[in-house]
Protein backbone atom coordinates (compact mmCIF):
# COMPACT_ATOMS: atom_id res chain seq x y z
CA MET A 1 -29.58 17.95 -2.37
CA LEU A 2 -31.92 15.56 -4.09
CA ILE A 3 -34.68 16.74 -6.41
CA ALA A 4 -38.19 15.85 -7.50
CA ALA A 5 -38.21 15.03 -11.20
CA LYS A 6 -40.73 13.88 -13.78
CA ALA A 7 -40.46 10.22 -14.64
CA ALA A 8 -39.78 8.96 -18.15
CA VAL A 9 -43.28 7.48 -18.28
CA GLY A 10 -44.83 10.90 -17.83
CA THR A 11 -45.97 10.57 -14.19
CA ARG A 12 -44.39 12.59 -11.40
CA ILE A 13 -41.85 10.75 -9.26
CA ASN A 14 -40.87 12.15 -5.90
CA MET A 15 -37.15 11.69 -5.45
CA LEU A 16 -35.94 11.05 -1.93
CA SER A 17 -34.62 14.27 -0.41
CA SER A 18 -31.73 14.63 2.01
CA LYS A 19 -34.14 14.84 4.94
CA HIS A 20 -35.08 11.20 4.28
CA LEU A 21 -31.44 10.15 4.65
CA ARG A 22 -30.91 12.18 7.82
CA PRO A 23 -32.62 9.68 10.18
CA VAL A 24 -30.50 6.88 8.71
CA LEU A 25 -27.07 8.53 8.75
CA GLN A 26 -26.84 9.05 12.50
CA PRO A 27 -23.47 9.33 14.31
CA CYS A 28 -21.47 6.13 13.92
CA THR A 29 -21.57 3.64 16.77
CA ALA A 30 -19.99 0.27 17.49
CA SER A 31 -23.29 -1.46 16.79
CA MET A 32 -23.87 0.53 13.60
CA PRO A 33 -20.55 1.60 12.00
CA CYS A 34 -20.43 4.27 9.29
CA ALA A 35 -20.05 1.84 6.40
CA ALA A 36 -23.08 -0.15 7.53
CA GLN A 37 -25.12 3.04 7.88
CA LEU A 38 -24.17 4.12 4.37
CA ALA A 39 -25.23 0.78 2.91
CA GLN A 40 -28.51 0.94 4.86
CA ALA A 41 -29.18 4.49 3.66
CA PHE A 42 -28.77 3.53 0.01
CA ARG A 43 -30.98 0.46 0.48
CA ILE A 44 -33.76 2.58 1.98
CA ARG A 45 -33.37 5.20 -0.72
CA LYS A 46 -33.49 2.56 -3.45
CA GLN A 47 -36.61 0.94 -1.97
CA THR A 48 -38.41 4.29 -1.60
CA ARG A 49 -37.59 5.76 -5.00
CA CYS A 50 -39.62 4.79 -8.04
CA THR A 51 -37.56 5.00 -11.18
CA ALA A 52 -38.16 4.64 -14.87
CA ALA A 53 -37.00 1.44 -16.53
CA THR A 54 -33.24 1.41 -16.90
CA ALA A 55 -31.63 0.07 -20.07
CA ASP A 56 -29.00 -2.49 -19.06
CA THR A 57 -27.25 -2.30 -22.39
CA LEU A 58 -26.16 0.52 -24.67
CA THR A 59 -28.10 0.57 -27.92
CA GLU A 60 -28.36 2.88 -30.87
CA PRO A 61 -29.47 6.27 -29.46
CA SER A 62 -31.04 7.65 -32.64
CA THR A 63 -30.73 7.81 -36.36
CA SER A 64 -28.51 10.88 -35.93
CA ALA A 65 -26.06 9.20 -33.51
CA PRO A 66 -23.48 6.48 -34.13
CA ALA A 67 -24.79 2.96 -33.63
CA VAL A 68 -23.70 1.10 -30.50
CA ALA A 69 -24.13 -2.66 -30.70
CA GLN A 70 -26.28 -4.26 -28.02
CA THR A 71 -24.27 -6.57 -25.80
CA GLU A 72 -24.80 -8.28 -22.48
CA ARG A 73 -22.17 -7.59 -19.87
CA ARG A 74 -21.14 -8.31 -16.33
CA LYS A 75 -21.76 -5.67 -13.71
CA ARG A 76 -19.27 -2.86 -14.04
CA VAL A 77 -16.96 -1.33 -11.42
CA LEU A 78 -14.83 1.81 -11.71
CA SER A 79 -12.30 3.25 -9.29
CA GLY A 80 -9.02 5.15 -9.30
CA VAL A 81 -6.24 6.78 -7.29
CA GLN A 82 -4.70 10.21 -7.66
CA PRO A 83 -1.02 10.30 -8.66
CA THR A 84 -0.07 12.59 -5.78
CA GLY A 85 2.44 11.70 -3.09
CA GLN A 86 3.47 8.10 -2.51
CA LEU A 87 0.97 5.27 -2.33
CA HIS A 88 0.90 3.81 1.16
CA LEU A 89 -0.37 0.82 3.08
CA GLY A 90 -3.80 2.41 3.50
CA ASN A 91 -4.23 2.84 -0.28
CA TYR A 92 -3.25 -0.79 -0.78
CA MET A 93 -5.11 -2.48 2.09
CA GLY A 94 -8.20 -0.29 1.87
CA ALA A 95 -8.62 -0.17 -1.91
CA ILE A 96 -6.15 -1.67 -4.39
CA ARG A 97 -5.98 -5.12 -2.81
CA ASN A 98 -9.77 -5.36 -2.91
CA TRP A 99 -9.75 -4.38 -6.59
CA VAL A 100 -7.71 -7.48 -7.39
CA ASN A 101 -10.61 -9.68 -6.28
CA LEU A 102 -13.19 -7.52 -8.05
CA GLN A 103 -11.55 -8.07 -11.45
CA GLU A 104 -12.57 -11.75 -11.22
CA GLN A 105 -16.25 -10.93 -10.66
CA TYR A 106 -16.90 -7.72 -12.58
CA ASP A 107 -16.08 -5.75 -15.70
CA THR A 108 -13.48 -3.46 -14.10
CA PHE A 109 -11.99 -0.08 -15.05
CA TYR A 110 -9.11 1.20 -12.91
CA CYS A 111 -7.80 4.62 -13.78
CA VAL A 112 -5.02 6.91 -12.61
CA VAL A 113 -7.03 10.09 -12.00
CA ASP A 114 -4.42 12.64 -13.02
CA LEU A 115 -6.97 15.37 -13.77
CA HIS A 116 -7.97 15.32 -10.11
CA ALA A 117 -4.32 15.76 -9.10
CA ILE A 118 -4.11 19.36 -10.35
CA THR A 119 -6.81 20.92 -8.16
CA ALA A 120 -3.92 22.03 -5.93
CA PRO A 121 -0.46 23.32 -6.91
CA HIS A 122 1.60 20.49 -8.38
CA ASP A 123 5.02 19.73 -9.84
CA PRO A 124 4.77 18.68 -13.55
CA VAL A 125 7.79 16.36 -13.29
CA GLU A 126 6.42 14.65 -10.19
CA LEU A 127 2.98 14.27 -11.77
CA ARG A 128 4.37 12.48 -14.82
CA THR A 129 6.52 10.16 -12.71
CA ALA A 130 3.74 9.45 -10.21
CA THR A 131 1.25 8.64 -12.98
CA ARG A 132 3.36 5.75 -14.24
CA SER A 133 4.20 4.77 -10.66
CA VAL A 134 0.54 4.36 -9.71
CA ALA A 135 -0.15 2.25 -12.82
CA ALA A 136 2.88 0.07 -11.99
CA THR A 137 1.61 -0.33 -8.43
CA TYR A 138 -1.76 -1.52 -9.73
CA MET A 139 -0.03 -4.26 -11.69
CA ALA A 140 2.44 -5.15 -8.93
CA ALA A 141 -0.45 -5.57 -6.51
CA GLY A 142 -2.09 -8.10 -8.82
CA ILE A 143 -4.38 -6.20 -11.18
CA ASP A 144 -4.12 -8.00 -14.51
CA PRO A 145 -4.27 -5.85 -17.68
CA GLU A 146 -5.84 -8.83 -19.43
CA LYS A 147 -8.75 -8.79 -16.98
CA ALA A 148 -9.12 -5.10 -16.12
CA SER A 149 -8.70 -1.89 -18.08
CA ILE A 150 -5.85 0.15 -16.55
CA PHE A 151 -5.66 3.65 -17.99
CA VAL A 152 -4.89 7.30 -17.33
CA GLN A 153 -7.93 9.53 -16.92
CA SER A 154 -6.64 12.33 -19.17
CA HIS A 155 -5.98 9.82 -22.00
CA VAL A 156 -9.76 9.46 -22.43
CA THR A 157 -10.95 12.93 -23.41
CA ALA A 158 -14.60 12.04 -22.80
CA HIS A 159 -13.95 12.58 -19.06
CA ALA A 160 -13.32 16.29 -19.50
CA GLU A 161 -16.10 16.70 -22.07
CA LEU A 162 -18.78 15.01 -19.97
CA ASN A 163 -17.55 16.98 -16.97
CA TRP A 164 -18.53 20.22 -18.75
CA LEU A 165 -21.94 18.90 -19.76
CA LEU A 166 -22.65 17.84 -16.17
CA GLU A 167 -21.38 21.12 -14.71
CA CYS A 168 -23.99 22.88 -16.82
CA VAL A 169 -26.83 20.96 -15.15
CA THR A 170 -25.46 20.77 -11.58
CA PRO A 171 -26.80 23.44 -9.19
CA ILE A 172 -24.01 25.41 -7.53
CA GLY A 173 -25.74 24.92 -4.19
CA TRP A 174 -24.99 21.21 -4.36
CA LEU A 175 -21.27 21.94 -4.67
CA ASN A 176 -21.31 24.54 -1.89
CA ARG A 177 -22.41 21.83 0.51
CA MET A 178 -19.51 19.47 -0.22
CA ILE A 179 -17.60 18.97 3.04
CA GLN A 180 -14.25 18.11 1.44
CA PHE A 181 -14.26 21.36 -0.54
CA LYS A 182 -14.69 23.39 2.64
CA GLU A 183 -11.91 21.50 4.41
CA LYS A 184 -9.42 21.68 1.54
CA ALA A 185 -10.28 25.29 0.70
CA ARG A 186 -9.29 26.31 4.21
CA LYS A 187 -5.89 24.67 3.69
CA GLN A 188 -5.30 26.34 0.30
CA GLY A 189 -6.33 29.78 1.56
CA GLU A 190 -6.29 32.55 -1.03
CA ASP A 191 -4.82 30.20 -3.65
CA VAL A 192 -7.92 27.98 -3.72
CA ARG A 193 -8.72 26.93 -7.30
CA ALA A 194 -12.10 26.72 -9.05
CA GLY A 195 -11.29 23.10 -9.90
CA LEU A 196 -11.34 22.23 -6.21
CA MET A 197 -15.02 23.16 -6.07
CA THR A 198 -16.03 21.47 -9.32
CA TYR A 199 -13.94 18.30 -9.13
CA PRO A 200 -16.83 16.30 -7.57
CA VAL A 201 -18.63 16.83 -10.89
CA LEU A 202 -15.59 15.43 -12.70
CA MET A 203 -15.73 12.47 -10.33
CA ALA A 204 -19.37 11.99 -11.29
CA ALA A 205 -18.38 12.10 -14.97
CA ASP A 206 -15.68 9.47 -14.32
CA ILE A 207 -18.26 7.09 -12.88
CA LEU A 208 -21.21 7.78 -15.18
CA LEU A 209 -19.17 7.53 -18.38
CA TYR A 210 -18.77 3.80 -17.81
CA GLN A 211 -22.36 3.17 -16.72
CA ALA A 212 -20.82 1.76 -13.53
CA ASP A 213 -23.12 -0.46 -11.48
CA LEU A 214 -20.91 -0.36 -8.39
CA VAL A 215 -18.36 2.08 -6.98
CA PRO A 216 -15.97 1.09 -4.17
CA VAL A 217 -16.54 3.86 -1.65
CA GLY A 218 -14.88 4.79 1.63
CA GLU A 219 -16.27 6.92 4.43
CA ASP A 220 -14.66 10.09 3.07
CA GLN A 221 -16.17 9.63 -0.41
CA LYS A 222 -19.79 8.80 0.44
CA GLN A 223 -20.97 12.39 -0.13
CA HIS A 224 -19.38 12.39 -3.58
CA LEU A 225 -21.21 9.22 -4.55
CA GLU A 226 -24.49 10.73 -3.34
CA LEU A 227 -23.77 13.73 -5.58
CA THR A 228 -23.05 11.40 -8.52
CA ARG A 229 -26.38 9.68 -8.03
CA ASP A 230 -28.18 13.02 -7.77
CA ILE A 231 -26.58 14.27 -11.00
CA ALA A 232 -27.45 11.04 -12.82
CA GLU A 233 -31.07 11.28 -11.70
CA ARG A 234 -31.24 14.97 -12.65
CA VAL A 235 -29.92 14.35 -16.17
CA ASN A 236 -32.22 11.35 -16.59
CA GLY A 237 -35.18 13.47 -15.48
CA LEU A 238 -34.35 16.54 -17.58
CA TYR A 239 -33.34 14.88 -20.84
CA GLY A 240 -34.19 11.17 -20.76
CA GLY A 241 -37.35 9.10 -20.79
CA ARG A 242 -40.25 9.66 -23.16
CA LYS A 243 -39.14 13.21 -23.97
CA TRP A 244 -35.92 11.83 -25.43
CA LYS A 245 -37.79 9.20 -27.42
CA LYS A 246 -40.17 11.81 -28.88
CA ARG A 247 -37.10 13.68 -30.14
CA GLY A 248 -36.04 10.54 -32.02
CA GLY A 249 -33.71 9.17 -29.37
CA ARG A 250 -33.51 5.87 -27.57
CA GLY A 251 -35.63 6.85 -24.60
CA GLY A 252 -35.32 5.50 -21.08
CA ASN A 253 -32.59 6.48 -18.65
CA ILE A 254 -29.40 8.02 -19.99
CA PHE A 255 -27.26 7.02 -17.01
CA LYS A 256 -27.25 4.00 -14.79
CA VAL A 257 -27.47 5.21 -11.18
CA PRO A 258 -24.52 3.57 -9.37
CA GLU A 259 -24.68 1.79 -6.04
CA PRO A 260 -21.97 1.87 -3.35
CA LEU A 261 -19.65 -1.10 -2.94
CA ILE A 262 -18.69 -1.05 0.72
CA PRO A 263 -15.15 -2.38 1.40
CA PRO A 264 -14.69 -5.30 3.82
CA ALA A 265 -14.95 -4.37 7.48
CA GLY A 266 -11.61 -3.66 9.12
CA ALA A 267 -9.80 -2.77 5.90
CA ARG A 268 -9.32 0.88 6.86
CA VAL A 269 -5.73 1.62 7.89
CA MET A 270 -5.15 4.59 10.16
CA SER A 271 -2.18 6.88 10.79
CA LEU A 272 0.82 5.55 12.73
CA GLN A 273 0.79 8.78 14.72
CA ASP A 274 -2.97 9.02 15.39
CA GLY A 275 -5.15 5.94 15.47
CA SER A 276 -8.28 8.03 14.94
CA SER A 277 -7.10 9.64 11.66
CA LYS A 278 -6.88 7.97 8.27
CA MET A 279 -3.44 7.18 6.87
CA SER A 280 -2.88 9.91 4.29
CA LYS A 281 -0.55 10.70 1.37
CA SER A 282 -0.88 14.40 2.09
CA ALA A 283 0.14 14.25 5.75
CA GLU A 284 3.32 16.26 6.29
CA ASN A 285 4.83 13.70 8.66
CA ASP A 286 6.18 10.78 6.62
CA ALA A 287 6.41 8.74 9.82
CA SER A 288 2.59 8.65 9.90
CA ARG A 289 2.41 6.12 7.04
CA ILE A 290 4.02 3.01 5.60
CA ASN A 291 4.78 3.80 1.96
CA LEU A 292 4.58 0.84 -0.39
CA THR A 293 8.17 1.53 -1.47
CA ASP A 294 9.62 1.88 2.06
CA THR A 295 12.71 -0.24 2.72
CA PRO A 296 12.66 -2.87 5.48
CA ASP A 297 14.78 -0.59 7.67
CA ALA A 298 12.36 2.30 7.14
CA ILE A 299 9.39 0.10 8.03
CA ARG A 300 11.06 -1.14 11.21
CA SER A 301 11.92 2.42 12.21
CA LYS A 302 8.38 3.72 11.61
CA VAL A 303 6.77 0.85 13.50
CA LYS A 304 9.21 1.24 16.39
CA ARG A 305 8.36 4.95 16.71
CA CYS A 306 4.59 4.71 16.06
CA LYS A 307 2.16 5.95 18.68
CA THR A 308 0.86 3.43 21.21
CA ASP A 309 -0.75 3.80 24.66
CA SER A 310 -0.01 3.09 28.30
CA PHE A 311 -2.54 0.28 28.77
CA PRO A 312 -1.11 -3.12 29.80
CA ASN A 313 -1.21 -5.92 27.21
CA LEU A 314 -2.96 -5.63 23.83
CA GLU A 315 -6.66 -5.74 23.00
CA TRP A 316 -8.78 -5.06 19.94
CA ASP A 317 -12.13 -3.50 20.71
CA HIS A 318 -11.38 -1.06 23.50
CA PRO A 319 -12.97 2.30 22.51
CA GLU A 320 -10.16 4.26 24.19
CA ARG A 321 -7.41 2.38 22.33
CA PRO A 322 -7.61 3.36 18.63
CA GLU A 323 -3.86 2.83 18.14
CA ALA A 324 -4.09 -0.73 19.43
CA ALA A 325 -7.00 -1.50 17.10
CA ASN A 326 -5.14 0.02 14.15
CA LEU A 327 -1.85 -1.83 14.67
CA LEU A 328 -3.62 -5.15 15.28
CA THR A 329 -5.65 -4.60 12.10
CA MET A 330 -2.45 -3.97 10.15
CA TYR A 331 -1.00 -7.20 11.54
CA GLN A 332 -4.14 -9.15 10.65
CA LEU A 333 -4.29 -7.77 7.10
CA SER A 334 -0.59 -8.45 6.54
CA THR A 335 -0.64 -12.03 7.83
CA GLY A 336 -4.07 -13.05 6.56
CA LYS A 337 -4.90 -14.51 9.96
CA THR A 338 -8.29 -14.51 11.60
CA LYS A 339 -9.03 -12.25 14.53
CA GLU A 340 -8.91 -15.24 16.86
CA GLU A 341 -5.50 -16.28 15.53
CA VAL A 342 -4.15 -12.76 16.03
CA LEU A 343 -5.41 -12.66 19.60
CA SER A 344 -3.67 -15.98 20.21
CA ASP A 345 -0.40 -14.60 18.76
CA ILE A 346 -0.42 -11.55 21.03
CA GLN A 347 -1.60 -13.20 24.22
CA GLY A 348 0.51 -11.96 27.12
CA LYS A 349 2.63 -9.67 24.91
CA ASN A 350 3.29 -5.97 25.40
CA TRP A 351 4.11 -3.30 22.82
CA GLY A 352 7.81 -4.01 22.96
CA ALA A 353 7.25 -7.63 21.93
CA PHE A 354 4.51 -6.92 19.39
CA LYS A 355 6.12 -4.17 17.32
CA PRO A 356 8.89 -6.41 15.87
CA MET A 357 6.19 -8.96 14.96
CA LEU A 358 4.23 -6.27 13.13
CA ALA A 359 7.28 -4.96 11.30
CA ASP A 360 8.24 -8.49 10.16
CA ALA A 361 4.69 -9.13 8.92
CA LEU A 362 4.58 -5.87 6.95
CA ILE A 363 7.99 -6.46 5.37
CA ALA A 364 7.11 -10.03 4.37
CA HIS A 365 3.78 -8.95 2.87
CA LEU A 366 5.17 -6.01 0.89
CA GLU A 367 8.36 -7.70 -0.39
CA PRO A 368 6.80 -9.50 -3.41
CA ILE A 369 4.84 -6.36 -4.36
CA GLN A 370 7.98 -4.23 -4.16
CA SER A 371 9.94 -6.71 -6.28
CA LYS A 372 7.26 -6.73 -9.00
CA TYR A 373 6.99 -2.94 -8.85
CA THR A 374 10.74 -2.51 -9.36
CA ALA A 375 10.71 -4.86 -12.35
CA ILE A 376 7.70 -3.12 -13.94
CA MET A 377 9.11 0.38 -13.47
CA ALA A 378 12.37 -0.75 -15.09
CA ASP A 379 10.46 -1.06 -18.39
CA PRO A 380 8.55 2.21 -18.96
CA SER A 381 7.59 1.14 -22.48
CA HIS A 382 5.63 -1.79 -21.03
CA VAL A 383 3.80 0.51 -18.64
CA ASP A 384 2.93 2.87 -21.49
CA ALA A 385 1.73 -0.03 -23.65
CA VAL A 386 -0.61 -1.23 -20.87
CA LEU A 387 -1.96 2.30 -20.41
CA ASP A 388 -2.47 2.71 -24.16
CA LYS A 389 -4.40 -0.56 -24.39
CA GLY A 390 -6.48 0.32 -21.35
CA ALA A 391 -7.30 3.78 -22.69
CA ALA A 392 -8.48 2.32 -25.99
CA ALA A 393 -10.85 -0.06 -24.20
CA ALA A 394 -12.05 2.66 -21.83
CA ALA A 395 -12.59 5.17 -24.65
CA GLU A 396 -14.83 2.77 -26.54
CA THR A 397 -17.23 2.59 -23.59
CA ALA A 398 -16.83 6.24 -22.59
CA ASN A 399 -17.46 7.65 -26.06
CA ALA A 400 -20.59 5.52 -26.45
CA THR A 401 -22.00 7.02 -23.25
CA LEU A 402 -20.92 10.52 -24.22
CA ASN A 403 -22.79 10.21 -27.52
CA LEU A 404 -25.93 9.12 -25.66
CA VAL A 405 -25.72 12.20 -23.44
CA LYS A 406 -25.10 14.52 -26.39
CA ASP A 407 -28.01 13.05 -28.32
CA ALA A 408 -30.37 13.36 -25.34
CA MET A 409 -29.27 16.97 -24.68
CA GLY A 410 -29.84 17.98 -28.30
CA PHE A 411 -26.32 18.15 -29.70
CA VAL A 412 -25.55 17.06 -33.26
CA VAL A 413 -23.63 13.86 -32.54
CA PRO A 414 -20.48 13.38 -34.64
CA LYS A 415 -20.25 10.31 -36.81
CA ARG A 416 -16.74 9.64 -35.55
CA VAL A 417 -14.31 10.84 -32.89
CA TYR A 418 -11.88 13.50 -34.10
């Protein structure tokens, strides 16, 4: 997937090919879990690759492009959730809750990726409702609009425009190898859309527009981040560096090549019906997930009926007990207790005694989030105002990057956005 490109300084740089990653990304084991392997792979790749100097700030690209003032900034993080289905405990525990902490350390952009939501058949009414719902959930979970930019992807038109520019430099072979496309295409059958194949390029545009340093990435998204890095390096090699400077541009790298931000260990929440499968919005069985808006009665019912096993007592690290590990993880994440404290709580207990404890912990943890969510959704004008403010902040950064790309690729850069 990866390419060999000429460096900005005029010497040839051999990019690390996929065969170099293959020895690192071996099957996951207890001693080397998938997340750790991914982090190790990127570290090795970063150490092996020689890159041209990267500009840490956006500056004026050329005399023909609008000026962008030089400014120092914190490291930047971007992430988002599709407004499809109902957000569930896995979305919250595995992603959104971690974003709350990131807003204190980084310059953060959190978007509702509505353009990604239409790669499969969708209901227009549900899409509009779900878009505001996801934004309200961000705020209810603790993301502060004064600290992070919360916006809707389609409100910043640079996403779609950069997507096209990147599609025109991305080899089709790279997209043919994307595992998620193959899996989802089988489900859609004859109705499979072109957007399903090309949406990883849109995801790359989402990330690269903001010159993101770090991207929170789960196991199912690691291939997409690799593609994003490959596209960034390809564009930098084709249009950046000294060649760009000779054309009157800024020179150097056009895009910052993002690094993965691996979520905390144990934050992955699995299905209530299959401890080896990820909790999913698209799963047909609603009993497989705890939705963030589920009532206390619904939560108790789902926990009572969730899949367990026939082993006596409860234990965490038994390889043949994925359901036990999942439910104990949910209890730990909901209570904030250490692993040792959880083991003390469950000592001598069976499933019948533990399930009410888990249900109570989930209800208590979600209650303040649900209360805030209800209050926020009661005022749609406030939600829209937050999204408008976030889009304005996001567009300022996105349009600056888009102009750099246009200038490097040889477009006449407009003096203003129309």
